[in-house]
């Protein structure tokens, strides 16, 4: 199969191969299943494969022969294992307590992927409970999936919590993956695994069918090796869902794929910072900024606002208890409260070797979200992160976007509900990937795609990890 160049496959290349009869969706799906069989024992990026994946691929091939054309027809996608999938795939959040949870339904975003022809390849490992179990747990570890590894080096941080999604894309175990983010969980692993990640505006993609942390910050997003592939997936995943009010009446604009044009970035005003990072990283950052200037982007030096109150306020504990108990109420698992989960974990200490301190802190909250302390902090988060934070900075300098090194300051964008796109750049002397993050105001995905795509076109893609 290698001789027909399925390594580093893109959506465009796959569809060309299907059209010309060079290979089939079944060939591509079998290729990725073979790579999972070969490398997952080392990477622990995939928790489960879909036993129906080859059947789905064969159905895609039949549809293609009939003349059906869809954006993701015959394209394999891995789904993070806190996102519901129908059929014989569990949705565990990586937790031993949930290892027998069959949702029996697709999350809304998975339904949309299927409508556009995607093949659900399986479920990706993650930091257990999307990194909301305990402070002492390593990025990428879960009781069900084990320790996810970074394909660029076993000693490198894999990032969290969408670690399996990022590792699998980087190591070519899938063409596309879906991650989820509350605060950095798409951005962080995307940067650390040298892939593209899109954390969209909260509400652009439905959260229905995703095990929640925070109703005010949660979102899902695509992860891929190229921005074009991620944008095609984003287009398929977004849309209104009556069960998620955040998705209603979102701004309408041209298709996101129309923004994949370097000419559209010419003259855009983008703010950059002088970050507190290592000398090596400063050199990489300055080199990346030079490429943006080559793309005729106007760069404006800015200073990010710092709000101590924003850093201290954390509403996630309040929202998690309510959200997870509402989720459990609509499942067949024997746990209906956060207390139930904590009790089960305590009775099975081998399943939580790093503890469950976050669970315990969240369980001390009322889960009602009526307390003045919670409501005031929620209002403050929006004011400091959005109104007087990113939005004020963009407005005062008349900027279209911000560009930052690595995954710097993802927390402010997360609290504001704003989008972020990561693009790989180079690798550091240690072998660790280094990239840029582009952030803007709510529903600024099109502007971010324009400038991120222009940057990507000037970058020589980093050499992929040696999993070939």
Protein backbone atom coordinates (compact mmCIF):
# COMPACT_ATOMS: atom_id res chain seq x y z
CA UNK A 1 0.00 0.00 0.00
CA UNK A 2 2.92 2.36 0.66
CA UNK A 3 3.82 2.35 -3.03
CA UNK A 4 0.67 4.33 -3.85
CA UNK A 5 1.60 7.00 -1.32
CA UNK A 6 -1.06 6.74 1.34
CA UNK A 7 1.43 8.10 3.87
CA UNK A 8 0.63 11.73 4.77
CA UNK A 9 -2.60 11.43 2.80
CA UNK A 10 -4.86 14.48 2.45
CA UNK A 11 -8.57 14.68 1.68
CA UNK A 12 -7.87 16.12 -1.76
CA UNK A 13 -5.37 13.37 -2.56
CA UNK A 14 -7.73 10.67 -1.31
CA UNK A 15 -10.60 11.90 -3.47
CA UNK A 16 -8.34 12.10 -6.49
CA UNK A 17 -7.28 8.51 -5.86
CA UNK A 18 -10.89 7.39 -5.58
CA UNK A 19 -11.86 9.23 -8.76
CA UNK A 20 -8.97 7.81 -10.79
CA UNK A 21 -9.41 4.29 -9.43
CA UNK A 22 -5.93 4.32 -7.94
CA UNK A 23 -7.19 3.05 -4.60
CA UNK A 24 -10.46 2.77 -2.68
CA UNK A 25 -11.83 3.96 0.64
CA UNK A 26 -11.52 0.37 1.79
CA UNK A 27 -7.80 0.44 0.89
CA UNK A 28 -7.32 3.65 2.85
CA UNK A 29 -9.25 2.40 5.88
CA UNK A 30 -7.37 -0.89 5.89
CA UNK A 31 -4.11 1.05 5.64
CA UNK A 32 -4.89 3.04 8.79
CA UNK A 33 -6.13 -0.02 10.65
CA UNK A 34 -2.83 -1.68 9.76
CA UNK A 35 -0.87 1.26 11.11
CA UNK A 36 -2.87 1.21 14.32
CA UNK A 37 -2.12 -2.51 14.64
CA UNK A 38 1.59 -1.83 14.13
CA UNK A 39 2.18 1.32 16.18
CA UNK A 40 -0.59 1.77 18.72
CA UNK A 41 0.96 -0.63 21.22
CA UNK A 42 3.76 1.92 21.53
CA UNK A 43 1.76 5.14 21.14
CA UNK A 44 -1.48 4.28 22.98
CA UNK A 45 -3.22 6.87 20.81
CA UNK A 46 -6.30 4.79 20.00
CA UNK A 47 -8.59 3.30 22.64
CA UNK A 48 -10.83 1.35 20.26
CA UNK A 49 -11.27 0.77 16.54
CA UNK A 50 -14.70 0.70 14.96
CA UNK A 51 -15.47 -2.94 14.06
CA UNK A 52 -17.69 -1.62 11.27
CA UNK A 53 -15.04 0.67 9.75
CA UNK A 54 -14.36 -1.54 6.74
CA UNK A 55 -18.09 -1.94 6.10
CA UNK A 56 -18.48 1.84 6.20
CA UNK A 57 -15.58 2.14 3.76
CA UNK A 58 -17.14 -0.35 1.36
CA UNK A 59 -20.40 1.59 1.51
CA UNK A 60 -18.46 4.77 0.68
CA UNK A 61 -16.90 3.03 -2.33
CA UNK A 62 -20.32 1.95 -3.60
CA UNK A 63 -21.61 5.49 -3.19
CA UNK A 64 -18.59 6.88 -5.04
CA UNK A 65 -19.17 4.50 -7.95
CA UNK A 66 -22.77 5.73 -8.13
CA UNK A 67 -21.56 9.30 -8.55
CA UNK A 68 -22.14 10.51 -5.01
CA UNK A 69 -19.78 13.32 -4.04
CA UNK A 70 -19.51 14.60 -0.48
CA UNK A 71 -16.78 16.61 1.28
CA UNK A 72 -15.68 13.71 3.51
CA UNK A 73 -16.83 10.72 1.47
CA UNK A 74 -14.52 7.82 2.26
CA UNK A 75 -12.37 9.83 4.71
CA UNK A 76 -11.44 8.04 7.98
CA UNK A 77 -11.85 10.07 11.19
CA UNK A 78 -10.89 9.23 14.78
CA UNK A 79 -13.20 10.56 17.49
CA UNK A 80 -11.98 11.54 20.95
CA UNK A 81 -13.39 9.08 23.47
CA UNK A 82 -15.45 11.62 25.38
CA UNK A 83 -17.65 12.09 22.29
CA UNK A 84 -20.53 9.68 21.76
CA UNK A 85 -20.57 7.21 18.90
CA UNK A 86 -23.25 4.72 17.91
CA UNK A 87 -22.77 1.02 17.32
CA UNK A 88 -20.16 -1.18 18.98
CA UNK A 89 -17.95 1.66 20.17
CA UNK A 90 -17.80 2.67 23.80
CA UNK A 91 -17.64 6.24 25.09
CA UNK A 92 -15.49 6.03 28.20
CA UNK A 93 -13.73 9.39 28.74
CA UNK A 94 -10.77 7.08 29.42
CA UNK A 95 -12.24 6.17 32.83
CA UNK A 96 -12.35 2.64 34.20
CA UNK A 97 -15.74 3.41 35.72
CA UNK A 98 -17.10 4.10 32.21
CA UNK A 99 -15.36 1.30 30.34
CA UNK A 100 -18.67 -0.47 29.60
CA UNK A 101 -20.57 2.64 28.51
CA UNK A 102 -22.15 2.17 25.08
CA UNK A 103 -23.91 5.44 24.26
CA UNK A 104 -26.10 3.87 21.57
CA UNK A 105 -26.17 7.18 19.70
CA UNK A 106 -23.94 9.56 17.81
CA UNK A 107 -23.09 13.00 19.10
CA UNK A 108 -24.52 15.70 16.85
CA UNK A 109 -21.11 16.46 15.35
CA UNK A 110 -20.57 12.76 14.56
CA UNK A 111 -23.95 12.66 12.80
CA UNK A 112 -22.84 15.59 10.67
CA UNK A 113 -19.54 13.91 9.80
CA UNK A 114 -21.41 10.79 8.74
CA UNK A 115 -23.86 12.80 6.61
CA UNK A 116 -20.87 14.22 4.73
CA UNK A 117 -19.49 10.74 4.15
CA UNK A 118 -16.87 10.28 6.88
CA UNK A 119 -15.81 6.82 8.03
CA UNK A 120 -15.60 6.61 11.82
CA UNK A 121 -12.30 4.80 12.29
CA UNK A 122 -12.45 4.48 16.08
CA UNK A 123 -12.01 6.31 19.37
CA UNK A 124 -8.91 8.25 20.42
CA UNK A 125 -7.26 8.12 23.82
CA UNK A 126 -7.26 11.24 26.01
CA UNK A 127 -6.25 12.58 29.36
CA UNK A 128 -8.85 10.85 31.54
CA UNK A 129 -12.08 12.81 31.98
CA UNK A 130 -10.55 15.38 29.61
CA UNK A 131 -7.94 16.23 32.25
CA UNK A 132 -10.55 17.00 34.89
CA UNK A 133 -9.91 14.15 37.34
CA UNK A 134 -6.83 15.24 39.29
CA UNK A 135 -3.97 17.76 39.16
CA UNK A 136 -1.29 15.07 39.36
CA UNK A 137 -2.19 13.05 36.24
CA UNK A 138 0.27 13.17 33.29
CA UNK A 139 -0.97 14.58 30.01
CA UNK A 140 -2.34 11.79 27.84
CA UNK A 141 -2.90 9.21 30.58
CA UNK A 142 -6.15 7.32 31.04
CA UNK A 143 -7.08 4.14 32.89
CA UNK A 144 -8.64 2.67 29.75
CA UNK A 145 -6.09 3.73 27.16
CA UNK A 146 -2.84 3.96 29.11
CA UNK A 147 -0.20 6.63 28.52
CA UNK A 148 -0.42 8.30 25.11
CA UNK A 149 3.03 8.99 23.68
CA UNK A 150 4.29 11.80 21.49
CA UNK A 151 5.45 10.27 18.16
CA UNK A 152 8.24 12.86 17.96
CA UNK A 153 9.87 11.42 21.07
CA UNK A 154 8.92 9.37 24.10
CA UNK A 155 10.34 11.99 26.46
CA UNK A 156 8.37 14.85 24.91
CA UNK A 157 5.10 16.16 26.32
CA UNK A 158 2.19 14.81 24.27
CA UNK A 159 -0.12 17.57 25.49
CA UNK A 160 -3.60 17.23 26.87
CA UNK A 161 -6.35 16.41 26.84
CA UNK A 162 -6.93 15.58 23.14
CA UNK A 163 -3.60 13.76 23.19
CA UNK A 164 -4.68 10.60 21.39
CA UNK A 165 -6.27 12.59 18.57
CA UNK A 166 -3.08 14.63 18.10
CA UNK A 167 -0.66 11.70 18.40
CA UNK A 168 -2.68 9.60 15.95
CA UNK A 169 -2.76 12.35 13.32
CA UNK A 170 0.97 13.05 13.72
CA UNK A 171 1.88 9.36 13.39
CA UNK A 172 -0.43 8.78 10.42
CA UNK A 173 -2.79 6.44 12.23
CA UNK A 174 -5.68 8.43 10.75
CA UNK A 175 -6.31 11.13 8.19
CA UNK A 176 -8.44 13.29 10.49
CA UNK A 177 -9.32 13.38 14.17
CA UNK A 178 -11.76 15.25 16.38
CA UNK A 179 -10.71 16.67 19.73
CA UNK A 180 -12.48 18.69 22.39
CA UNK A 181 -11.39 21.68 24.42
CA UNK A 182 -12.36 23.47 27.58
CA UNK A 183 -9.09 25.33 28.06
CA UNK A 184 -6.24 24.37 25.74
CA UNK A 185 -7.17 20.73 25.10
CA UNK A 186 -7.09 21.06 21.30
CA UNK A 187 -4.48 23.83 21.07
CA UNK A 188 -1.97 22.29 23.50
CA UNK A 189 -1.64 18.77 22.01
CA UNK A 190 -1.79 20.15 18.44
CA UNK A 191 1.26 22.32 19.09
CA UNK A 192 3.15 19.54 20.88
CA UNK A 193 2.50 17.03 18.07
CA UNK A 194 3.17 19.44 15.19
CA UNK A 195 -0.32 19.29 13.67
CA UNK A 196 -3.08 21.74 12.82
CA UNK A 197 -5.80 22.19 15.40
CA UNK A 198 -8.91 24.35 15.20
CA UNK A 199 -10.56 25.30 18.48
CA UNK A 200 -13.69 27.07 17.19
CA UNK A 201 -15.88 29.68 18.79
CA UNK A 202 -18.00 28.12 21.52
CA UNK A 203 -21.32 27.34 19.85
CA UNK A 204 -20.06 26.91 16.31
CA UNK A 205 -20.12 23.11 16.78
CA UNK A 206 -22.80 21.42 18.85
CA UNK A 207 -21.74 19.98 22.21
CA UNK A 208 -24.66 17.53 22.30
CA UNK A 209 -23.29 14.07 23.01
CA UNK A 210 -19.97 15.24 24.48
CA UNK A 211 -19.21 14.38 28.10
CA UNK A 212 -19.06 17.90 29.55
CA UNK A 213 -16.79 19.92 31.78
CA UNK A 214 -17.96 23.51 31.33
CA UNK A 215 -21.07 24.64 29.49
CA UNK A 216 -19.54 28.09 29.08
CA UNK A 217 -16.24 26.92 27.57
CA UNK A 218 -16.57 23.43 26.04
CA UNK A 219 -16.27 22.91 22.30
CA UNK A 220 -15.10 20.26 19.86
CA UNK A 221 -12.83 20.85 16.89
CA UNK A 222 -10.94 19.18 14.02
CA UNK A 223 -7.29 18.13 14.10
CA UNK A 224 -5.32 17.36 10.93
CA UNK A 225 -1.94 17.55 9.24
CA UNK A 226 -2.98 20.45 6.98
CA UNK A 227 -5.21 23.45 7.51
CA UNK A 228 -7.22 22.63 4.39
CA UNK A 229 -8.18 19.22 5.78
CA UNK A 230 -9.08 20.73 9.16
CA UNK A 231 -11.21 23.42 7.51
CA UNK A 232 -13.10 20.89 5.40
CA UNK A 233 -13.89 18.94 8.57
CA UNK A 234 -14.88 22.14 10.41
CA UNK A 235 -17.34 22.98 7.65
CA UNK A 236 -18.97 19.56 8.03
CA UNK A 237 -19.13 19.66 11.84
CA UNK A 238 -20.69 23.07 12.43
CA UNK A 239 -24.34 24.04 12.32
CA UNK A 240 -27.42 24.69 14.43
CA UNK A 241 -28.67 22.13 16.93
CA UNK A 242 -31.83 22.80 18.92
CA UNK A 243 -30.46 20.83 21.86
CA UNK A 244 -27.50 23.24 22.17
CA UNK A 245 -28.68 26.87 22.42
CA UNK A 246 -25.14 28.17 21.85
CA UNK A 247 -25.39 27.03 18.22
CA UNK A 248 -28.55 28.98 17.40
CA UNK A 249 -28.45 32.08 15.21
CA UNK A 250 -24.70 31.99 14.64
CA UNK A 251 -23.42 34.46 12.01
CA UNK A 252 -23.63 33.25 8.43
CA UNK A 253 -20.79 33.80 5.98
CA UNK A 254 -19.07 32.26 2.97
CA UNK A 255 -17.91 28.64 3.27
CA UNK A 256 -14.73 28.36 5.29
CA UNK A 257 -12.90 26.67 2.42
CA UNK A 258 -13.20 29.86 0.36
CA UNK A 259 -10.83 31.52 2.85
CA UNK A 260 -7.99 29.16 1.89
CA UNK A 261 -6.38 31.77 -0.35
CA UNK A 262 -3.07 33.52 0.43
CA UNK A 263 -4.24 36.66 -1.37
CA UNK A 264 -6.96 37.19 1.24
CA UNK A 265 -4.32 37.67 3.96
CA UNK A 266 -2.62 40.58 2.19
CA UNK A 267 -2.97 43.72 4.29
CA UNK A 268 -4.46 41.99 7.32
CA UNK A 269 -3.42 43.56 10.61
CA UNK A 270 -2.19 41.00 13.13
CA UNK A 271 -1.00 41.72 16.64
CA UNK A 272 2.12 40.01 17.99
CA UNK A 273 3.73 40.04 21.42
CA UNK A 274 7.22 39.93 22.89
CA UNK A 275 6.78 36.73 24.86
CA UNK A 276 8.61 35.49 27.93
CA UNK A 277 10.06 32.35 26.33
CA UNK A 278 13.51 30.83 25.86
CA UNK A 279 16.14 32.36 23.59
CA UNK A 280 15.79 29.47 21.15
CA UNK A 281 12.02 29.90 21.05
CA UNK A 282 12.35 33.65 20.52
CA UNK A 283 14.51 32.93 17.46
CA UNK A 284 11.91 30.53 16.10
CA UNK A 285 9.10 32.98 16.79
CA UNK A 286 10.90 35.82 15.02
CA UNK A 287 11.56 33.55 12.04
CA UNK A 288 7.87 32.69 11.87
CA UNK A 289 6.92 36.37 12.01
CA UNK A 290 9.23 37.03 9.06
CA UNK A 291 7.21 34.53 7.04
CA UNK A 292 4.01 36.37 7.91
CA UNK A 293 5.59 39.57 6.65
CA UNK A 294 6.49 37.76 3.42
CA UNK A 295 2.80 36.96 3.11
CA UNK A 296 2.23 40.76 3.25
CA UNK A 297 0.57 40.62 6.63
CA UNK A 298 0.96 43.85 8.64
CA UNK A 299 2.31 43.02 12.09
CA UNK A 300 1.62 45.28 15.05
CA UNK A 301 3.37 44.81 18.40
CA UNK A 302 0.92 44.62 21.29
CA UNK A 303 0.90 43.76 24.98
CA UNK A 304 -1.54 41.17 26.23
CA UNK A 305 -3.65 42.36 29.15
CA UNK A 306 -2.99 40.59 32.43
CA UNK A 307 -5.74 40.21 34.97
CA UNK A 308 -4.89 38.50 38.23
CA UNK A 309 -8.58 38.05 38.97
CA UNK A 310 -9.02 36.20 35.68
CA UNK A 311 -6.22 33.80 36.51
CA UNK A 312 -7.65 33.09 39.94
CA UNK A 313 -11.29 32.69 38.97
CA UNK A 314 -12.18 29.17 37.93
CA UNK A 315 -15.83 28.43 37.29
CA UNK A 316 -15.12 24.99 35.88
CA UNK A 317 -15.56 23.22 39.21
CA UNK A 318 -19.04 24.68 39.60
CA UNK A 319 -20.12 23.81 36.07
CA UNK A 320 -18.59 20.34 35.97
CA UNK A 321 -20.73 18.86 38.72
CA UNK A 322 -23.98 20.00 37.09
CA UNK A 323 -22.85 19.05 33.61
CA UNK A 324 -21.55 15.56 34.35
CA UNK A 325 -24.59 14.65 36.46
CA UNK A 326 -26.94 15.84 33.71
CA UNK A 327 -24.97 13.71 31.27
CA UNK A 328 -25.00 10.60 33.48
CA UNK A 329 -28.78 10.91 33.92
CA UNK A 330 -29.23 10.16 30.22
CA UNK A 331 -27.03 7.06 30.14
CA UNK A 332 -27.41 3.44 31.22
CA UNK A 333 -24.29 3.51 33.42
CA UNK A 334 -24.95 2.77 37.12
CA UNK A 335 -23.58 6.15 38.23
CA UNK A 336 -25.95 9.09 38.40
CA UNK A 337 -24.00 11.56 40.52
CA UNK A 338 -20.43 12.73 40.85
CA UNK A 339 -20.49 11.23 44.35
CA UNK A 340 -21.25 7.84 42.80
CA UNK A 341 -18.18 8.09 40.59
CA UNK A 342 -15.96 9.21 43.45
CA UNK A 343 -17.18 6.30 45.58
CA UNK A 344 -16.55 3.76 42.80
CA UNK A 345 -13.06 5.14 42.21
CA UNK A 346 -12.30 4.94 45.93
CA UNK A 347 -13.36 1.29 45.92
CA UNK A 348 -11.07 0.65 42.91
CA UNK A 349 -7.92 2.64 43.77
CA UNK A 350 -5.92 0.83 41.07
CA UNK A 351 -8.03 2.70 38.50
CA UNK A 352 -7.02 6.14 39.81
CA UNK A 353 -3.30 5.91 40.63
CA UNK A 354 -2.99 9.70 40.43
CA UNK A 355 -5.96 10.41 42.69
CA UNK A 356 -9.21 12.27 42.04
CA UNK A 357 -8.65 15.65 43.69
CA UNK A 358 -10.49 17.66 41.01
CA UNK A 359 -13.50 15.36 41.26
CA UNK A 360 -13.55 15.88 45.02
CA UNK A 361 -13.21 19.66 44.77
CA UNK A 362 -15.98 19.85 42.17
CA UNK A 363 -18.22 17.61 44.25
CA UNK A 364 -18.03 20.10 47.11
CA UNK A 365 -19.90 22.58 44.92
CA UNK A 366 -23.70 22.72 44.95
CA UNK A 367 -24.10 22.14 41.22
CA UNK A 368 -26.95 24.65 41.17
CA UNK A 369 -25.04 27.61 39.68
CA UNK A 370 -27.15 30.03 41.71
CA UNK A 371 -24.51 31.20 44.18
CA UNK A 372 -23.46 34.82 43.94
CA UNK A 373 -19.80 33.78 43.99
CA UNK A 374 -20.21 31.65 40.86
CA UNK A 375 -22.37 34.14 38.99
CA UNK A 376 -20.05 37.05 39.73
CA UNK A 377 -17.00 35.06 38.61
CA UNK A 378 -18.78 34.03 35.41
CA UNK A 379 -19.54 37.67 34.63
CA UNK A 380 -15.97 38.66 35.48
CA UNK A 381 -14.54 35.98 33.20
CA UNK A 382 -16.45 37.38 30.24
CA UNK A 383 -15.60 40.97 31.08
CA UNK A 384 -11.87 40.42 31.67
CA UNK A 385 -11.19 37.81 28.98
CA UNK A 386 -13.51 39.07 26.25
CA UNK A 387 -14.82 42.62 26.64
CA UNK A 388 -11.76 44.15 28.32
CA UNK A 389 -9.36 41.47 27.14
CA UNK A 390 -9.02 40.13 23.61
CA UNK A 391 -11.83 42.21 22.07
CA UNK A 392 -10.54 45.45 23.55
CA UNK A 393 -7.01 44.70 22.33
CA UNK A 394 -8.22 43.92 18.81
CA UNK A 395 -10.37 47.06 18.69
CA UNK A 396 -7.77 49.47 20.10
CA UNK A 397 -5.18 48.44 17.49
CA UNK A 398 -7.69 47.78 14.68
CA UNK A 399 -6.48 44.18 14.41
CA UNK A 400 -7.93 41.23 12.51
CA UNK A 401 -6.21 38.64 14.71
CA UNK A 402 -3.47 37.92 17.23
CA UNK A 403 -0.50 35.61 16.68
CA UNK A 404 1.25 33.93 19.59
CA UNK A 405 4.05 31.41 19.95
CA UNK A 406 3.22 27.87 21.04
CA UNK A 407 -0.01 27.55 22.99
CA UNK A 408 0.60 30.76 24.94
CA UNK A 409 -2.45 32.37 26.55
CA UNK A 410 -5.00 29.79 25.41
CA UNK A 411 -6.77 30.25 28.75
CA UNK A 412 -7.92 33.80 27.97
CA UNK A 413 -9.31 32.75 24.58
CA UNK A 414 -11.02 29.79 26.24
CA UNK A 415 -12.72 31.92 28.89
CA UNK A 416 -13.83 34.37 26.20
CA UNK A 417 -15.18 31.52 24.05
CA UNK A 418 -12.99 32.74 21.17
CA UNK A 419 -11.45 30.62 18.38
CA UNK A 420 -7.80 29.59 18.00
CA UNK A 421 -5.95 27.88 15.14
CA UNK A 422 -2.52 26.27 15.54
CA UNK A 423 -0.07 25.83 12.65
CA UNK A 424 3.20 23.84 12.91
CA UNK A 425 6.45 25.66 12.14
CA UNK A 426 9.72 23.93 13.11
CA UNK A 427 11.24 21.68 15.72
CA UNK A 428 13.47 22.79 18.56
CA UNK A 429 16.91 21.32 19.25
CA UNK A 430 15.30 18.93 21.70
CA UNK A 431 13.09 17.63 18.88
CA UNK A 432 9.98 19.21 20.38
CA UNK A 433 7.70 20.87 17.82
CA UNK A 434 7.22 24.64 17.77
CA UNK A 435 4.30 26.38 16.12
CA UNK A 436 2.10 29.46 16.06
CA UNK A 437 -1.39 30.03 17.43
CA UNK A 438 -3.77 32.52 15.80
CA UNK A 439 -6.60 33.93 17.93
CA UNK A 440 -9.42 36.37 17.22
CA UNK A 441 -12.83 37.43 18.44
CA UNK A 442 -15.95 35.26 18.43
CA UNK A 443 -16.82 33.82 15.00
CA UNK A 444 -13.59 35.18 13.51
CA UNK A 445 -12.76 31.75 12.07
CA UNK A 446 -12.64 33.10 8.52
CA UNK A 447 -10.06 35.74 9.35
CA UNK A 448 -8.00 33.21 11.31
CA UNK A 449 -8.14 30.75 8.42
CA UNK A 450 -6.97 33.46 5.99
CA UNK A 451 -3.87 34.44 7.96
CA UNK A 452 -3.09 30.92 9.18
CA UNK A 453 -3.30 29.54 5.65
CA UNK A 454 -1.00 32.26 4.32
CA UNK A 455 1.54 31.41 7.01
CA UNK A 456 1.24 27.68 6.34
CA UNK A 457 2.01 28.19 2.63
CA UNK A 458 5.35 29.80 3.49
CA UNK A 459 6.34 27.06 5.93
CA UNK A 460 8.29 23.99 4.92
CA UNK A 461 6.28 21.26 6.61
CA UNK A 462 8.28 19.79 9.50
CA UNK A 463 9.62 16.30 8.85
CA UNK A 464 7.01 13.85 10.15
CA UNK A 465 7.97 11.48 12.95
CA UNK A 466 9.65 8.24 11.94
CA UNK A 467 6.55 6.03 11.91
CA UNK A 468 6.73 4.92 8.32
